[in-house]
C-alpha atoms as a PDB file:
ATOM      1  CA  MET A   1      50.716 -31.652  -0.417  1.00  0.00           C
ATOM      2  CA  ASP A   2      50.436 -28.031   0.453  1.00  0.00           C
ATOM      3  CA  ILE A   3      47.891 -26.475  -1.866  1.00  0.00           C
ATOM      4  CA  THR A   4      47.558 -22.895  -0.130  1.00  0.00           C
ATOM      5  CA  GLY A   5      49.029 -20.549  -2.735  1.00  0.00           C
ATOM      6  CA  ALA A   6      50.289 -23.262  -5.049  1.00  0.00           C
ATOM      7  CA  ASP A   7      47.206 -23.347  -7.216  1.00  0.00           C
ATOM      8  CA  PRO A   8      45.362 -20.292  -8.163  1.00  0.00           C
ATOM      9  CA  ILE A   9      42.086 -22.150  -8.986  1.00  0.00           C
ATOM     10  CA  TYR A  10      41.516 -22.867  -5.124  1.00  0.00           C
ATOM     11  CA  ARG A  11      41.852 -18.883  -4.596  1.00  0.00           C
ATOM     12  CA  GLU A  12      39.391 -18.332  -7.504  1.00  0.00           C
ATOM     13  CA  LEU A  13      36.820 -20.598  -6.064  1.00  0.00           C
ATOM     14  CA  GLY A  14      37.156 -19.286  -2.367  1.00  0.00           C
ATOM     15  CA  TRP A  15      37.084 -22.952  -1.211  1.00  0.00           C
ATOM     16  CA  LEU A  16      39.940 -22.240   1.272  1.00  0.00           C
ATOM     17  CA  ASN A  17      38.514 -18.887   2.472  1.00  0.00           C
ATOM     18  CA  GLU A  18      34.772 -19.795   3.043  1.00  0.00           C
ATOM     19  CA  GLU A  19      33.788 -21.421   6.394  1.00  0.00           C
ATOM     20  CA  PRO A  20      31.376 -24.340   5.552  1.00  0.00           C
ATOM     21  CA  THR A  21      27.940 -24.097   7.084  1.00  0.00           C
ATOM     22  CA  LEU A  22      27.296 -27.224   9.215  1.00  0.00           C
ATOM     23  CA  PHE A  23      24.090 -29.185   8.837  1.00  0.00           C
ATOM     24  CA  PRO A  24      23.539 -29.690  12.427  1.00  0.00           C
ATOM     25  CA  ARG A  25      22.880 -26.011  12.731  1.00  0.00           C
ATOM     26  CA  ASP A  26      20.057 -26.163  10.325  1.00  0.00           C
ATOM     27  CA  LEU A  27      18.707 -29.275  11.859  1.00  0.00           C
ATOM     28  CA  GLU A  28      18.642 -27.343  15.350  1.00  0.00           C
ATOM     29  CA  SER A  29      16.914 -24.385  13.746  1.00  0.00           C
ATOM     30  CA  LEU A  30      14.124 -26.724  12.329  1.00  0.00           C
ATOM     31  CA  LEU A  31      13.673 -28.540  15.639  1.00  0.00           C
ATOM     32  CA  ALA A  32      13.431 -25.196  17.509  1.00  0.00           C
ATOM     33  CA  GLU A  33      10.676 -24.002  15.063  1.00  0.00           C
ATOM     34  CA  ASN A  34       8.797 -27.312  15.513  1.00  0.00           C
ATOM     35  CA  ALA A  35       8.985 -27.010  19.134  1.00  0.00           C
ATOM     36  CA  LEU A  36       7.624 -23.405  18.904  1.00  0.00           C
ATOM     37  CA  ILE A  37       4.659 -24.400  16.770  1.00  0.00           C
ATOM     38  CA  GLU A  38       3.691 -27.205  19.263  1.00  0.00           C
ATOM     39  CA  THR A  39       4.046 -24.895  22.092  1.00  0.00           C
ATOM     40  CA  GLU A  40       1.490 -22.331  20.404  1.00  0.00           C
ATOM     41  CA  ARG A  41      -0.872 -25.398  19.742  1.00  0.00           C
ATOM     42  CA  GLY A  42      -0.550 -26.266  23.450  1.00  0.00           C
ATOM     43  CA  ARG A  43      -1.430 -22.834  24.470  1.00  0.00           C
ATOM     44  CA  ASP A  44      -4.477 -22.678  22.614  1.00  0.00           C
ATOM     45  CA  PRO A  45      -6.179 -26.057  22.147  1.00  0.00           C
ATOM     46  CA  ASP A  46      -9.404 -24.887  21.365  1.00  0.00           C
ATOM     47  CA  LYS A  47      -8.165 -23.318  17.898  1.00  0.00           C
ATOM     48  CA  ASN A  48      -7.728 -26.755  16.463  1.00  0.00           C
ATOM     49  CA  ALA A  49     -11.039 -27.950  17.331  1.00  0.00           C
ATOM     50  CA  GLU A  50     -12.393 -24.842  15.875  1.00  0.00           C
ATOM     51  CA  SER A  51     -10.753 -25.580  12.629  1.00  0.00           C
ATOM     52  CA  LEU A  52     -12.256 -29.198  12.737  1.00  0.00           C
ATOM     53  CA  VAL A  53     -15.867 -28.047  13.151  1.00  0.00           C
ATOM     54  CA  ASP A  54     -15.516 -25.122  10.536  1.00  0.00           C
ATOM     55  CA  THR A  55     -16.271 -27.567   7.872  1.00  0.00           C
ATOM     56  CA  TYR A  56     -19.116 -27.149   5.404  1.00  0.00           C
ATOM     57  CA  LEU A  57     -21.550 -29.748   4.576  1.00  0.00           C
ATOM     58  CA  THR A  58     -23.517 -29.684   1.184  1.00  0.00           C
ATOM     59  CA  ASN A  59     -27.196 -29.900   1.513  1.00  0.00           C
ATOM     60  CA  GLU A  60     -27.349 -33.374   0.521  1.00  0.00           C
ATOM     61  CA  THR A  61     -24.659 -34.601   3.004  1.00  0.00           C
ATOM     62  CA  ALA A  62     -26.422 -32.431   5.766  1.00  0.00           C
ATOM     63  CA  LEU A  63     -29.833 -34.313   5.079  1.00  0.00           C
ATOM     64  CA  VAL A  64     -28.354 -37.610   4.843  1.00  0.00           C
ATOM     65  CA  TYR A  65     -26.960 -37.021   8.604  1.00  0.00           C
ATOM     66  CA  PHE A  66     -30.116 -35.364   9.704  1.00  0.00           C
ATOM     67  CA  GLY A  67     -32.072 -38.165   8.332  1.00  0.00           C
ATOM     68  CA  SER A  68     -30.047 -40.762  10.265  1.00  0.00           C
ATOM     69  CA  MET A  69     -30.745 -38.958  13.377  1.00  0.00           C
ATOM     70  CA  LEU A  70     -34.408 -38.840  12.743  1.00  0.00           C
ATOM     71  CA  GLY A  71     -34.356 -42.329  11.789  1.00  0.00           C
ATOM     72  CA  ILE A  72     -32.581 -43.525  14.834  1.00  0.00           C
ATOM     73  CA  PHE A  73     -33.488 -41.508  17.888  1.00  0.00           C
ATOM     74  CA  PRO A  74     -37.606 -40.832  17.698  1.00  0.00           C
ATOM     75  CA  PRO A  75     -38.392 -44.249  16.894  1.00  0.00           C
ATOM     76  CA  ALA A  76     -35.723 -45.556  19.481  1.00  0.00           C
ATOM     77  CA  THR A  77     -37.609 -43.236  22.153  1.00  0.00           C
ATOM     78  CA  ILE A  78     -40.805 -45.094  21.245  1.00  0.00           C
ATOM     79  CA  PHE A  79     -39.412 -48.761  21.156  1.00  0.00           C
ATOM     80  CA  LEU A  80     -37.423 -48.131  24.467  1.00  0.00           C
ATOM     81  CA  THR A  81     -40.403 -46.766  26.346  1.00  0.00           C
ATOM     82  CA  TYR A  82     -42.527 -49.868  25.183  1.00  0.00           C
ATOM     83  CA  LEU A  83     -39.767 -52.247  26.355  1.00  0.00           C
ATOM     84  CA  PHE A  84     -39.463 -50.798  29.649  1.00  0.00           C
ATOM     85  CA  GLN A  85     -43.099 -51.080  30.222  1.00  0.00           C
ATOM     86  CA  ILE A  86     -43.750 -54.478  29.370  1.00  0.00           C
ATOM     87  CA  ASN A  87     -43.059 -57.763  31.367  1.00  0.00           C
ATOM     88  CA  SER A  88     -42.836 -60.697  29.092  1.00  0.00           C
ATOM     89  CA  ARG A  89     -40.941 -63.591  28.390  1.00  0.00           C
ATOM     90  CA  SER A  90     -40.832 -62.593  24.696  1.00  0.00           C
ATOM     91  CA  ALA A  91     -39.088 -59.276  25.488  1.00  0.00           C
ATOM     92  CA  VAL A  92     -35.720 -60.224  24.176  1.00  0.00           C
ATOM     93  CA  PHE A  93     -37.547 -61.291  20.819  1.00  0.00           C
ATOM     94  CA  LEU A  94     -39.447 -58.080  20.738  1.00  0.00           C
ATOM     95  CA  ALA A  95     -36.230 -56.153  21.517  1.00  0.00           C
ATOM     96  CA  LEU A  96     -34.512 -57.724  18.384  1.00  0.00           C
ATOM     97  CA  LEU A  97     -37.638 -57.173  16.342  1.00  0.00           C
ATOM     98  CA  LEU A  98     -37.561 -53.622  17.357  1.00  0.00           C
ATOM     99  CA  LEU A  99     -33.775 -53.129  16.898  1.00  0.00           C
ATOM    100  CA  LEU A 100     -34.262 -54.189  13.202  1.00  0.00           C
ATOM    101  CA  ALA A 101     -37.106 -51.772  12.781  1.00  0.00           C
ATOM    102  CA  ASN A 102     -34.856 -49.099  14.202  1.00  0.00           C
ATOM    103  CA  ILE A 103     -31.961 -49.968  11.572  1.00  0.00           C
ATOM    104  CA  GLY A 104     -34.869 -49.830   9.003  1.00  0.00           C
ATOM    105  CA  THR A 105     -35.703 -46.223   9.909  1.00  0.00           C
ATOM    106  CA  ALA A 106     -32.320 -45.265  10.022  1.00  0.00           C
ATOM    107  CA  ILE A 107     -31.236 -46.391   6.619  1.00  0.00           C
ATOM    108  CA  GLY A 108     -34.527 -45.120   5.285  1.00  0.00           C
ATOM    109  CA  GLY A 109     -34.091 -41.824   6.882  1.00  0.00           C
ATOM    110  CA  SER A 110     -30.625 -41.265   5.450  1.00  0.00           C
ATOM    111  CA  GLN A 111     -30.902 -42.726   1.979  1.00  0.00           C
ATOM    112  CA  PHE A 112     -34.202 -40.958   1.188  1.00  0.00           C
ATOM    113  CA  GLY A 113     -32.467 -37.749   2.666  1.00  0.00           C
ATOM    114  CA  LYS A 114     -30.475 -37.383  -0.670  1.00  0.00           C
ATOM    115  CA  ILE A 115     -33.826 -37.374  -2.597  1.00  0.00           C
ATOM    116  CA  ILE A 116     -35.229 -34.907  -0.367  1.00  0.00           C
ATOM    117  CA  ALA A 117     -32.115 -32.637  -0.778  1.00  0.00           C
ATOM    118  CA  ARG A 118     -32.186 -32.793  -4.623  1.00  0.00           C
ATOM    119  CA  LEU A 119     -35.880 -31.954  -4.654  1.00  0.00           C
ATOM    120  CA  MET A 120     -35.209 -28.871  -2.256  1.00  0.00           C
ATOM    121  CA  ARG A 121     -32.272 -27.779  -4.451  1.00  0.00           C
ATOM    122  CA  ARG A 122     -34.531 -27.825  -7.659  1.00  0.00           C
ATOM    123  CA  ASN A 123     -36.812 -25.294  -6.000  1.00  0.00           C
ATOM    124  CA  GLU A 124     -34.137 -22.986  -4.573  1.00  0.00           C
ATOM    125  CA  SER A 125     -34.981 -20.218  -7.157  1.00  0.00           C
ATOM    126  CA  ARG A 126     -38.657 -20.139  -5.809  1.00  0.00           C
ATOM    127  CA  SER A 127     -39.837 -17.867  -3.057  1.00  0.00           C
ATOM    128  CA  PHE A 128     -39.274 -18.789   0.532  1.00  0.00           C
ATOM    129  CA  SER A 129     -42.955 -19.242   1.262  1.00  0.00           C
ATOM    130  CA  PHE A 130     -43.014 -21.808  -1.587  1.00  0.00           C
ATOM    131  CA  ARG A 131     -40.029 -23.635  -0.364  1.00  0.00           C
ATOM    132  CA  PHE A 132     -41.152 -23.417   3.257  1.00  0.00           C
ATOM    133  CA  GLY A 133     -44.554 -25.289   2.085  1.00  0.00           C
ATOM    134  CA  MET A 134     -42.479 -27.570  -0.032  1.00  0.00           C
ATOM    135  CA  SER A 135     -40.405 -28.493   3.151  1.00  0.00           C
ATOM    136  CA  ILE A 136     -43.672 -29.672   4.873  1.00  0.00           C
ATOM    137  CA  LEU A 137     -44.675 -31.971   2.022  1.00  0.00           C
ATOM    138  CA  ALA A 138     -41.210 -33.141   1.492  1.00  0.00           C
ATOM    139  CA  GLY A 139     -40.550 -33.877   5.165  1.00  0.00           C
ATOM    140  CA  ALA A 140     -43.940 -35.789   5.371  1.00  0.00           C
ATOM    141  CA  LEU A 141     -42.867 -37.975   2.519  1.00  0.00           C
ATOM    142  CA  TRP A 142     -39.438 -38.322   3.946  1.00  0.00           C
ATOM    143  CA  GLY A 143     -40.819 -39.612   7.205  1.00  0.00           C
ATOM    144  CA  ILE A 144     -43.420 -41.911   5.505  1.00  0.00           C
ATOM    145  CA  VAL A 145     -40.780 -43.524   3.508  1.00  0.00           C
ATOM    146  CA  ALA A 146     -38.377 -43.841   6.471  1.00  0.00           C
ATOM    147  CA  GLY A 147     -41.094 -45.023   9.032  1.00  0.00           C
ATOM    148  CA  ALA A 148     -42.367 -47.795   6.495  1.00  0.00           C
ATOM    149  CA  ALA A 149     -39.138 -48.910   5.943  1.00  0.00           C
ATOM    150  CA  GLY A 150     -38.832 -49.764   9.649  1.00  0.00           C
ATOM    151  CA  GLY A 151     -42.320 -50.799  10.153  1.00  0.00           C
ATOM    152  CA  VAL A 152     -42.011 -53.577   7.518  1.00  0.00           C
ATOM    153  CA  PHE A 153     -40.142 -55.709  10.320  1.00  0.00           C
ATOM    154  CA  ILE A 154     -42.991 -55.551  12.610  1.00  0.00           C
ATOM    155  CA  PHE A 155     -45.272 -57.857  11.108  1.00  0.00           C
ATOM    156  CA  MET A 156     -45.756 -55.535   7.880  1.00  0.00           C
ATOM    157  CA  VAL A 157     -48.756 -53.909  10.209  1.00  0.00           C
ATOM    158  CA  GLY A 158     -46.091 -51.679  11.670  1.00  0.00           C
ATOM    159  CA  ALA A 159     -45.285 -50.215   8.351  1.00  0.00           C
ATOM    160  CA  ILE A 160     -48.698 -48.330   8.534  1.00  0.00           C
ATOM    161  CA  PHE A 161     -48.116 -47.009  11.677  1.00  0.00           C
ATOM    162  CA  GLY A 162     -44.542 -46.253  11.181  1.00  0.00           C
ATOM    163  CA  ALA A 163     -45.492 -44.180   8.049  1.00  0.00           C
ATOM    164  CA  ILE A 164     -48.149 -42.205   9.896  1.00  0.00           C
ATOM    165  CA  ILE A 165     -45.619 -41.387  12.843  1.00  0.00           C
ATOM    166  CA  GLY A 166     -42.642 -40.830  10.369  1.00  0.00           C
ATOM    167  CA  GLY A 167     -44.943 -38.506   8.283  1.00  0.00           C
ATOM    168  CA  VAL A 168     -45.627 -36.370  11.420  1.00  0.00           C
ATOM    169  CA  VAL A 169     -42.102 -36.145  12.317  1.00  0.00           C
ATOM    170  CA  GLY A 170     -40.828 -35.293   9.060  1.00  0.00           C
ATOM    171  CA  ALA A 171     -43.447 -32.857   8.347  1.00  0.00           C
ATOM    172  CA  VAL A 172     -42.319 -31.088  11.694  1.00  0.00           C
ATOM    173  CA  ALA A 173     -38.597 -31.620  11.531  1.00  0.00           C
ATOM    174  CA  LEU A 174     -37.685 -30.498   8.036  1.00  0.00           C
ATOM    175  CA  PRO A 175     -39.356 -27.036   8.088  1.00  0.00           C
ATOM    176  CA  ALA A 176     -37.710 -26.471  11.575  1.00  0.00           C
ATOM    177  CA  TYR A 177     -34.445 -27.441   9.937  1.00  0.00           C
ATOM    178  CA  THR A 178     -35.095 -25.200   7.032  1.00  0.00           C
ATOM    179  CA  LEU A 179     -35.968 -22.291   9.037  1.00  0.00           C
ATOM    180  CA  ALA A 180     -33.101 -22.632  11.296  1.00  0.00           C
ATOM    181  CA  CYS A 181     -30.340 -23.201   8.512  1.00  0.00           C
ATOM    182  CA  LYS A 182     -31.677 -20.229   6.614  1.00  0.00           C
ATOM    183  CA  PRO A 183     -29.652 -17.427   8.396  1.00  0.00           C
ATOM    184  CA  VAL A 184     -26.571 -19.496   8.451  1.00  0.00           C
ATOM    185  CA  ALA A 185     -26.642 -21.153   5.084  1.00  0.00           C
ATOM    186  CA  ASN A 186     -23.708 -20.130   2.741  1.00  0.00           C
ATOM    187  CA  GLY A 187     -24.052 -20.766  -1.104  1.00  0.00           C
ATOM    188  CA  GLY A 188     -26.342 -24.163  -0.480  1.00  0.00           C
ATOM    189  CA  GLN A 189     -23.896 -25.285   2.376  1.00  0.00           C
ATOM    190  CA  VAL A 190     -24.099 -25.296   6.206  1.00  0.00           C
ATOM    191  CA  SER A 191     -21.066 -25.276   8.506  1.00  0.00           C
ATOM    192  CA  LEU A 192     -20.674 -28.171  10.856  1.00  0.00           C
ATOM    193  CA  LYS A 193     -20.654 -25.987  13.754  1.00  0.00           C
ATOM    194  CA  HIS A 194     -24.000 -24.695  12.916  1.00  0.00           C
ATOM    195  CA  PHE A 195     -25.388 -27.896  11.591  1.00  0.00           C
ATOM    196  CA  LEU A 196     -24.603 -29.890  14.858  1.00  0.00           C
ATOM    197  CA  PRO A 197     -26.593 -27.872  17.313  1.00  0.00           C
ATOM    198  CA  ILE A 198     -29.488 -27.437  14.828  1.00  0.00           C
ATOM    199  CA  SER A 199     -29.973 -31.038  14.155  1.00  0.00           C
ATOM    200  CA  THR A 200     -29.199 -32.214  17.497  1.00  0.00           C
ATOM    201  CA  GLY A 201     -31.687 -29.725  19.168  1.00  0.00           C
ATOM    202  CA  ILE A 202     -34.659 -30.498  16.807  1.00  0.00           C
ATOM    203  CA  THR A 203     -34.024 -34.157  17.095  1.00  0.00           C
ATOM    204  CA  LEU A 204     -33.920 -33.977  21.177  1.00  0.00           C
ATOM    205  CA  ILE A 205     -37.042 -31.698  21.171  1.00  0.00           C
ATOM    206  CA  ILE A 206     -39.012 -34.330  18.940  1.00  0.00           C
ATOM    207  CA  CYS A 207     -37.764 -37.111  21.245  1.00  0.00           C
ATOM    208  CA  SER A 208     -38.712 -35.214  24.473  1.00  0.00           C
ATOM    209  CA  TYR A 209     -42.164 -34.410  23.013  1.00  0.00           C
ATOM    210  CA  ILE A 210     -42.763 -38.265  22.014  1.00  0.00           C
ATOM    211  CA  LEU A 211     -41.566 -39.429  25.636  1.00  0.00           C
ATOM    212  CA  HIS A 212     -43.991 -36.751  27.057  1.00  0.00           C
ATOM    213  CA  LEU A 213     -46.954 -38.060  25.248  1.00  0.00           C
ATOM    214  CA  LEU A 214     -46.054 -41.797  25.811  1.00  0.00           C
ATOM    215  CA  THR A 215     -45.688 -41.152  29.493  1.00  0.00           C
ATOM    216  CA  SER A 216     -48.634 -38.950  29.905  1.00  0.00           C
ATOM    217  CA  ALA A 217     -50.966 -41.373  28.229  1.00  0.00           C
ATOM    218  CA  HIS A 218     -50.401 -43.838  31.161  1.00  0.00           C
END
């Protein structure tokens, strides 16, 4: 049936005069936009990496991570130096024992880091000199707890030596971290791109100094 001009309703709606827009054209434009975005990303791959590290950590989260690093690497430096210098049939047993001790210091350092962060947060309104002195005492306490937690696995006597060594490490590490983070802190938070070099640098310096002391003593 010829409907052109026969029924005025078709002329009112304009169905016969309007050219329909085909969906494939919209799909093609969408694919073209996606391809352009992927091209731009490929031209600047560092932009995506920068957005990943531009993440802010709360003080509590940052000290948990920092405590894990301090609980793993400085004790591991001591343990590995000792294992490389001994020649005994019980080396495998000692390695397992020291591994358990290292796990203990890592857990103690990370978990007690939450308490240290809360302690430091309660004193944020105090003067910087007070907070810096507090960081020395808090860091020493932090290291004592972490060192003792790992030293328990070394016939309990290791807890005493672990607490002493850990206390010294913590008393140095936390004030250094506080000083380094002060210029880059933002409202009680620190960016991941600042936290990583600061925490890694402090940890490596401590490990290097421990290694120097251990190797120069022989």
